[in-house]
């Protein structure tokens, strides 16, 4: 079972890494913001259709939290896609992957080695500067 989990992880990492090459190829043909719109507007509409009941049940705080998270997620995708115009796909993938290591390192130091401690939203933006 462990071997299967390791192979699955390698496969997921390979697919994730290939997306940087595919995005770089796509933005060679389309403007980056148009590409992101073509990518995420249909996806957002599909999620809205399949989650309509849950979305209607959201209160004001839920919509506000979703908006804040959406702004940060959008900014991340915009900056990452714009960055792919000026660097290689491997550099972009490395820098993006480095964020996860920095996140783990910060949680490890903050929680005394307990990296399974609950993640809270106020803690997450704290990691944006990186490993500092």
N, C-alpha and C. Protein backbone atom coordinates (compact mmCIF):
# COMPACT_ATOMS: atom_id res chain seq x y z
N UNK A 1 0.83 -1.20 0.00
CA UNK A 1 0.00 0.00 0.00
C UNK A 1 0.87 1.26 0.00
N UNK A 2 1.97 1.22 0.77
CA UNK A 2 2.86 2.38 0.82
C UNK A 2 3.46 2.67 -0.56
N UNK A 3 3.85 1.61 -1.27
CA UNK A 3 4.43 1.77 -2.60
C UNK A 3 3.43 2.42 -3.55
N UNK A 4 2.18 2.01 -3.45
CA UNK A 4 1.13 2.59 -4.29
C UNK A 4 0.94 4.07 -3.98
N UNK A 5 0.98 4.42 -2.69
CA UNK A 5 0.84 5.82 -2.29
C UNK A 5 2.01 6.64 -2.82
N UNK A 6 3.21 6.09 -2.77
CA UNK A 6 4.38 6.81 -3.29
C UNK A 6 4.29 6.99 -4.79
N UNK A 7 3.87 5.97 -5.50
CA UNK A 7 3.70 6.08 -6.95
C UNK A 7 2.62 7.10 -7.31
N UNK A 8 1.54 7.10 -6.54
CA UNK A 8 0.48 8.08 -6.78
C UNK A 8 1.00 9.49 -6.57
N UNK A 9 1.80 9.69 -5.53
CA UNK A 9 2.38 11.01 -5.27
C UNK A 9 3.29 11.47 -6.40
N UNK A 10 4.12 10.55 -6.90
CA UNK A 10 5.00 10.88 -8.04
C UNK A 10 4.16 11.22 -9.27
N UNK A 11 3.10 10.46 -9.51
CA UNK A 11 2.23 10.75 -10.65
C UNK A 11 1.54 12.10 -10.54
N UNK A 12 1.05 12.41 -9.36
CA UNK A 12 0.41 13.71 -9.14
C UNK A 12 1.40 14.84 -9.33
N UNK A 13 2.61 14.66 -8.81
CA UNK A 13 3.65 15.69 -8.97
C UNK A 13 4.00 15.89 -10.44
N UNK A 14 4.05 14.81 -11.20
CA UNK A 14 4.36 14.92 -12.63
C UNK A 14 3.27 15.68 -13.37
N UNK A 15 2.02 15.35 -13.10
CA UNK A 15 0.91 16.05 -13.75
C UNK A 15 0.92 17.51 -13.35
N UNK A 16 1.13 17.79 -12.04
CA UNK A 16 1.18 19.18 -11.56
C UNK A 16 2.30 19.93 -12.26
N UNK A 17 3.46 19.33 -12.39
CA UNK A 17 4.58 19.99 -13.04
C UNK A 17 4.32 20.26 -14.52
N UNK A 18 3.64 19.33 -15.18
CA UNK A 18 3.35 19.51 -16.60
C UNK A 18 2.38 20.67 -16.85
N UNK A 19 1.56 20.99 -15.86
CA UNK A 19 0.62 22.09 -16.08
C UNK A 19 1.35 23.41 -16.31
N UNK A 20 2.54 23.58 -15.72
CA UNK A 20 3.29 24.82 -15.94
C UNK A 20 3.70 24.93 -17.40
N UNK A 21 4.11 23.82 -17.99
CA UNK A 21 4.48 23.82 -19.41
C UNK A 21 3.26 24.12 -20.27
N UNK A 22 2.13 23.51 -19.94
CA UNK A 22 0.91 23.73 -20.72
C UNK A 22 0.42 25.17 -20.60
N UNK A 23 0.50 25.75 -19.41
CA UNK A 23 0.09 27.14 -19.24
C UNK A 23 1.03 28.06 -20.01
N UNK A 24 2.32 27.77 -19.96
CA UNK A 24 3.27 28.60 -20.71
C UNK A 24 2.98 28.53 -22.21
N UNK A 25 2.67 27.36 -22.71
CA UNK A 25 2.31 27.24 -24.13
C UNK A 25 1.03 28.01 -24.44
N UNK A 26 0.07 27.95 -23.54
CA UNK A 26 -1.21 28.64 -23.76
C UNK A 26 -1.05 30.15 -23.78
N UNK A 27 -0.23 30.68 -22.87
CA UNK A 27 -0.09 32.14 -22.84
C UNK A 27 0.83 32.66 -23.94
N UNK A 28 1.46 31.74 -24.67
CA UNK A 28 2.18 32.15 -25.88
C UNK A 28 1.19 32.48 -26.98
N UNK A 29 -0.01 31.91 -26.89
CA UNK A 29 -1.05 32.10 -27.90
C UNK A 29 -2.11 33.12 -27.48
N UNK A 30 -2.36 33.24 -26.19
CA UNK A 30 -3.41 34.12 -25.66
C UNK A 30 -2.82 35.09 -24.65
N UNK A 31 -3.43 36.25 -24.47
CA UNK A 31 -3.02 37.11 -23.37
C UNK A 31 -3.28 36.40 -22.04
N UNK A 32 -2.39 36.57 -21.04
CA UNK A 32 -2.53 35.83 -19.78
C UNK A 32 -3.88 36.00 -19.08
N UNK A 33 -4.41 37.21 -19.04
CA UNK A 33 -5.68 37.40 -18.35
C UNK A 33 -6.84 36.79 -19.12
N UNK A 34 -6.78 36.80 -20.44
CA UNK A 34 -7.82 36.13 -21.23
C UNK A 34 -7.74 34.62 -21.01
N UNK A 35 -6.53 34.08 -20.96
CA UNK A 35 -6.37 32.65 -20.68
C UNK A 35 -6.98 32.29 -19.33
N UNK A 36 -6.70 33.10 -18.31
CA UNK A 36 -7.25 32.82 -16.98
C UNK A 36 -8.77 32.93 -16.98
N UNK A 37 -9.30 33.87 -17.73
CA UNK A 37 -10.76 34.00 -17.82
C UNK A 37 -11.37 32.77 -18.50
N UNK A 38 -10.76 32.32 -19.61
CA UNK A 38 -11.25 31.12 -20.29
C UNK A 38 -11.15 29.90 -19.39
N UNK A 39 -10.18 29.91 -18.51
CA UNK A 39 -9.95 28.76 -17.63
C UNK A 39 -10.90 28.74 -16.44
N UNK A 40 -11.11 29.90 -15.81
CA UNK A 40 -11.80 29.90 -14.53
C UNK A 40 -13.26 30.33 -14.58
N UNK A 41 -13.67 31.09 -15.57
CA UNK A 41 -15.09 31.47 -15.64
C UNK A 41 -15.98 30.24 -15.85
N UNK A 42 -15.67 29.38 -16.82
CA UNK A 42 -16.51 28.18 -16.95
C UNK A 42 -16.44 27.27 -15.71
N UNK A 43 -15.26 27.16 -15.11
CA UNK A 43 -15.13 26.34 -13.91
C UNK A 43 -15.97 26.91 -12.77
N UNK A 44 -15.93 28.23 -12.62
CA UNK A 44 -16.74 28.87 -11.58
C UNK A 44 -18.22 28.68 -11.80
N UNK A 45 -18.64 28.76 -13.05
CA UNK A 45 -20.06 28.54 -13.36
C UNK A 45 -20.49 27.10 -13.08
N UNK A 46 -19.63 26.14 -13.41
CA UNK A 46 -19.94 24.75 -13.11
C UNK A 46 -20.05 24.51 -11.61
N UNK A 47 -19.12 25.07 -10.85
CA UNK A 47 -19.18 24.92 -9.40
C UNK A 47 -20.46 25.55 -8.87
N UNK A 48 -20.81 26.72 -9.39
CA UNK A 48 -22.03 27.40 -8.93
C UNK A 48 -23.27 26.55 -9.21
N UNK A 49 -23.31 25.94 -10.39
CA UNK A 49 -24.47 25.12 -10.74
C UNK A 49 -24.58 23.92 -9.81
N UNK A 50 -23.47 23.24 -9.57
CA UNK A 50 -23.51 22.02 -8.75
C UNK A 50 -23.56 22.32 -7.25
N UNK A 51 -23.26 23.54 -6.86
CA UNK A 51 -23.25 23.90 -5.43
C UNK A 51 -24.31 24.94 -5.11
N UNK A 52 -25.30 25.07 -5.95
CA UNK A 52 -26.29 26.13 -5.82
C UNK A 52 -26.95 26.15 -4.44
N UNK A 53 -27.34 25.01 -3.95
CA UNK A 53 -28.01 24.94 -2.65
C UNK A 53 -27.10 25.42 -1.54
N UNK A 54 -25.86 24.97 -1.55
CA UNK A 54 -24.90 25.39 -0.51
C UNK A 54 -24.59 26.88 -0.62
N UNK A 55 -24.50 27.40 -1.83
CA UNK A 55 -24.22 28.82 -2.01
C UNK A 55 -25.37 29.68 -1.50
N UNK A 56 -26.59 29.23 -1.75
CA UNK A 56 -27.76 30.00 -1.26
C UNK A 56 -27.83 30.01 0.25
N UNK A 57 -27.31 28.96 0.88
CA UNK A 57 -27.37 28.87 2.34
C UNK A 57 -26.28 29.69 3.03
N UNK A 58 -25.32 30.19 2.26
CA UNK A 58 -24.24 30.98 2.87
C UNK A 58 -24.78 32.30 3.41
N UNK A 59 -24.30 32.65 4.56
CA UNK A 59 -24.65 33.94 5.13
C UNK A 59 -23.67 35.01 4.66
N UNK A 60 -23.83 36.20 5.19
CA UNK A 60 -22.97 37.32 4.82
C UNK A 60 -21.51 37.03 5.13
N UNK A 61 -21.24 36.42 6.30
CA UNK A 61 -19.86 36.11 6.67
C UNK A 61 -19.24 35.10 5.71
N UNK A 62 -20.04 34.13 5.27
CA UNK A 62 -19.54 33.14 4.33
C UNK A 62 -19.17 33.75 2.99
N UNK A 63 -20.02 34.64 2.50
CA UNK A 63 -19.72 35.33 1.23
C UNK A 63 -18.51 36.23 1.37
N UNK A 64 -18.39 36.91 2.51
CA UNK A 64 -17.24 37.79 2.73
C UNK A 64 -15.95 36.98 2.77
N UNK A 65 -15.96 35.87 3.51
CA UNK A 65 -14.77 35.02 3.57
C UNK A 65 -14.41 34.47 2.20
N UNK A 66 -15.42 34.05 1.44
CA UNK A 66 -15.18 33.55 0.09
C UNK A 66 -14.60 34.61 -0.82
N UNK A 67 -15.08 35.83 -0.68
CA UNK A 67 -14.56 36.93 -1.49
C UNK A 67 -13.10 37.22 -1.16
N UNK A 68 -12.79 37.26 0.12
CA UNK A 68 -11.39 37.52 0.53
C UNK A 68 -10.48 36.41 0.01
N UNK A 69 -10.88 35.16 0.20
CA UNK A 69 -10.05 34.05 -0.29
C UNK A 69 -9.95 34.08 -1.82
N UNK A 70 -11.05 34.43 -2.49
CA UNK A 70 -11.03 34.52 -3.94
C UNK A 70 -10.10 35.59 -4.46
N UNK A 71 -10.04 36.71 -3.76
CA UNK A 71 -9.12 37.79 -4.16
C UNK A 71 -7.68 37.31 -4.07
N UNK A 72 -7.33 36.66 -2.96
CA UNK A 72 -5.96 36.16 -2.80
C UNK A 72 -5.64 35.07 -3.82
N UNK A 73 -6.58 34.16 -4.07
CA UNK A 73 -6.36 33.10 -5.04
C UNK A 73 -6.21 33.67 -6.45
N UNK A 74 -7.06 34.63 -6.78
CA UNK A 74 -6.97 35.28 -8.10
C UNK A 74 -5.63 35.98 -8.26
N UNK A 75 -5.22 36.71 -7.25
CA UNK A 75 -3.92 37.41 -7.32
C UNK A 75 -2.79 36.40 -7.52
N UNK A 76 -2.85 35.29 -6.82
CA UNK A 76 -1.81 34.26 -6.97
C UNK A 76 -1.75 33.73 -8.39
N UNK A 77 -2.91 33.39 -8.95
CA UNK A 77 -2.93 32.88 -10.32
C UNK A 77 -2.49 33.94 -11.33
N UNK A 78 -2.91 35.18 -11.13
CA UNK A 78 -2.52 36.24 -12.06
C UNK A 78 -1.01 36.44 -12.02
N UNK A 79 -0.44 36.58 -10.83
CA UNK A 79 1.01 36.80 -10.73
C UNK A 79 1.80 35.60 -11.25
N UNK A 80 1.33 34.40 -10.95
CA UNK A 80 2.03 33.21 -11.42
C UNK A 80 1.99 33.13 -12.95
N UNK A 81 0.82 33.40 -13.53
CA UNK A 81 0.69 33.32 -14.99
C UNK A 81 1.48 34.42 -15.67
N UNK A 82 1.46 35.63 -15.11
CA UNK A 82 2.28 36.70 -15.67
C UNK A 82 3.77 36.37 -15.56
N UNK A 83 4.14 35.75 -14.46
CA UNK A 83 5.54 35.36 -14.28
C UNK A 83 6.00 34.33 -15.29
N UNK A 84 5.09 33.49 -15.74
CA UNK A 84 5.46 32.48 -16.74
C UNK A 84 5.83 33.09 -18.08
N UNK A 85 5.50 34.36 -18.29
CA UNK A 85 5.91 35.02 -19.52
C UNK A 85 7.41 35.30 -19.52
N UNK A 86 7.99 35.43 -18.33
CA UNK A 86 9.38 35.88 -18.23
C UNK A 86 10.33 34.85 -17.66
N UNK A 87 9.86 33.68 -17.31
CA UNK A 87 10.74 32.64 -16.76
C UNK A 87 10.34 31.30 -17.33
N UNK A 88 11.14 30.30 -17.04
CA UNK A 88 10.84 28.97 -17.56
C UNK A 88 9.77 28.29 -16.70
N UNK A 89 9.16 27.29 -17.27
CA UNK A 89 8.14 26.54 -16.54
C UNK A 89 8.76 25.84 -15.33
N UNK A 90 10.00 25.36 -15.47
CA UNK A 90 10.64 24.68 -14.34
C UNK A 90 10.92 25.65 -13.20
N UNK A 91 11.33 26.89 -13.52
CA UNK A 91 11.54 27.88 -12.46
C UNK A 91 10.23 28.22 -11.75
N UNK A 92 9.18 28.40 -12.51
CA UNK A 92 7.88 28.72 -11.91
C UNK A 92 7.39 27.58 -11.03
N UNK A 93 7.55 26.36 -11.49
CA UNK A 93 7.15 25.20 -10.69
C UNK A 93 7.97 25.08 -9.42
N UNK A 94 9.27 25.34 -9.53
CA UNK A 94 10.15 25.28 -8.36
C UNK A 94 9.76 26.33 -7.33
N UNK A 95 9.55 27.55 -7.79
CA UNK A 95 9.19 28.64 -6.87
C UNK A 95 7.84 28.35 -6.21
N UNK A 96 6.89 27.87 -6.98
CA UNK A 96 5.58 27.53 -6.42
C UNK A 96 5.71 26.39 -5.42
N UNK A 97 6.45 25.36 -5.77
CA UNK A 97 6.65 24.25 -4.86
C UNK A 97 7.40 24.64 -3.60
N UNK A 98 8.30 25.61 -3.72
CA UNK A 98 9.06 26.08 -2.56
C UNK A 98 8.14 26.70 -1.52
N UNK A 99 7.03 27.28 -1.96
CA UNK A 99 6.09 27.86 -1.01
C UNK A 99 5.60 26.80 -0.03
N UNK A 100 5.32 25.59 -0.53
CA UNK A 100 4.81 24.55 0.35
C UNK A 100 5.86 24.13 1.38
N UNK A 101 7.12 24.08 0.96
CA UNK A 101 8.18 23.78 1.92
C UNK A 101 8.28 24.89 2.96
N UNK A 102 8.22 26.14 2.51
CA UNK A 102 8.29 27.27 3.45
C UNK A 102 7.11 27.24 4.41
N UNK A 103 5.96 26.87 3.90
CA UNK A 103 4.76 26.77 4.74
C UNK A 103 4.94 25.68 5.80
N UNK A 104 5.47 24.52 5.37
CA UNK A 104 5.72 23.44 6.31
C UNK A 104 6.75 23.87 7.35
N UNK A 105 7.83 24.51 6.91
CA UNK A 105 8.88 24.95 7.83
C UNK A 105 8.34 25.94 8.85
N UNK A 106 7.53 26.88 8.40
CA UNK A 106 6.96 27.86 9.33
C UNK A 106 6.06 27.18 10.34
N UNK A 107 5.21 26.27 9.88
CA UNK A 107 4.31 25.57 10.82
C UNK A 107 5.12 24.71 11.78
N UNK A 108 6.18 24.11 11.29
CA UNK A 108 7.02 23.28 12.15
C UNK A 108 7.64 24.12 13.26
N UNK A 109 8.13 25.31 12.90
CA UNK A 109 8.74 26.18 13.92
C UNK A 109 7.68 26.79 14.83
N UNK A 110 6.54 27.17 14.28
CA UNK A 110 5.50 27.83 15.06
C UNK A 110 4.84 26.88 16.05
N UNK A 111 4.63 25.63 15.64
CA UNK A 111 3.89 24.69 16.47
C UNK A 111 4.79 23.65 17.13
N UNK A 112 6.06 23.97 17.28
CA UNK A 112 6.97 23.08 17.99
C UNK A 112 7.06 21.68 17.40
N UNK A 113 7.09 21.58 16.10
CA UNK A 113 7.21 20.28 15.45
C UNK A 113 5.89 19.62 15.14
N UNK A 114 4.78 20.14 15.64
CA UNK A 114 3.47 19.56 15.38
C UNK A 114 2.91 20.16 14.09
N UNK A 115 3.25 19.55 12.95
CA UNK A 115 2.80 20.09 11.67
C UNK A 115 1.36 19.72 11.38
N UNK A 116 0.72 18.96 12.26
CA UNK A 116 -0.69 18.62 12.09
C UNK A 116 -1.59 19.53 12.90
N UNK A 117 -1.02 20.58 13.48
CA UNK A 117 -1.83 21.53 14.23
C UNK A 117 -2.82 22.17 13.27
N UNK A 118 -4.00 22.57 13.74
CA UNK A 118 -5.00 23.15 12.84
C UNK A 118 -4.50 24.43 12.18
N UNK A 119 -4.83 24.58 10.91
CA UNK A 119 -4.47 25.78 10.16
C UNK A 119 -5.60 26.79 10.29
N UNK A 120 -5.26 27.99 10.67
CA UNK A 120 -6.26 29.04 10.76
C UNK A 120 -5.98 30.09 9.70
N UNK A 121 -7.02 30.75 9.24
CA UNK A 121 -6.85 31.73 8.16
C UNK A 121 -5.89 32.85 8.53
N UNK A 122 -5.97 33.43 9.76
CA UNK A 122 -5.02 34.51 10.06
C UNK A 122 -3.57 34.05 10.01
N UNK A 123 -3.34 32.77 10.19
CA UNK A 123 -1.98 32.26 10.14
C UNK A 123 -1.48 32.16 8.70
N UNK A 124 -2.36 31.88 7.76
CA UNK A 124 -1.96 31.64 6.39
C UNK A 124 -1.34 32.85 5.71
N UNK A 125 -1.96 34.06 5.74
CA UNK A 125 -1.30 35.19 5.10
C UNK A 125 0.04 35.52 5.73
N UNK A 126 0.23 35.09 6.98
CA UNK A 126 1.51 35.31 7.66
C UNK A 126 2.65 34.60 6.95
N UNK A 127 2.34 33.55 6.17
CA UNK A 127 3.38 32.79 5.51
C UNK A 127 3.71 33.35 4.12
N UNK A 128 2.97 34.33 3.66
CA UNK A 128 3.20 34.84 2.31
C UNK A 128 4.60 35.38 2.10
N UNK A 129 5.23 36.02 3.10
CA UNK A 129 6.60 36.47 2.85
C UNK A 129 7.58 35.33 2.67
N UNK A 130 7.22 34.11 2.98
CA UNK A 130 8.10 32.98 2.75
C UNK A 130 8.57 32.39 4.05
N UNK A 131 9.83 32.06 4.10
CA UNK A 131 10.39 31.34 5.24
C UNK A 131 10.80 32.28 6.38
N UNK A 132 10.55 33.54 6.27
CA UNK A 132 11.00 34.49 7.30
C UNK A 132 10.34 34.24 8.63
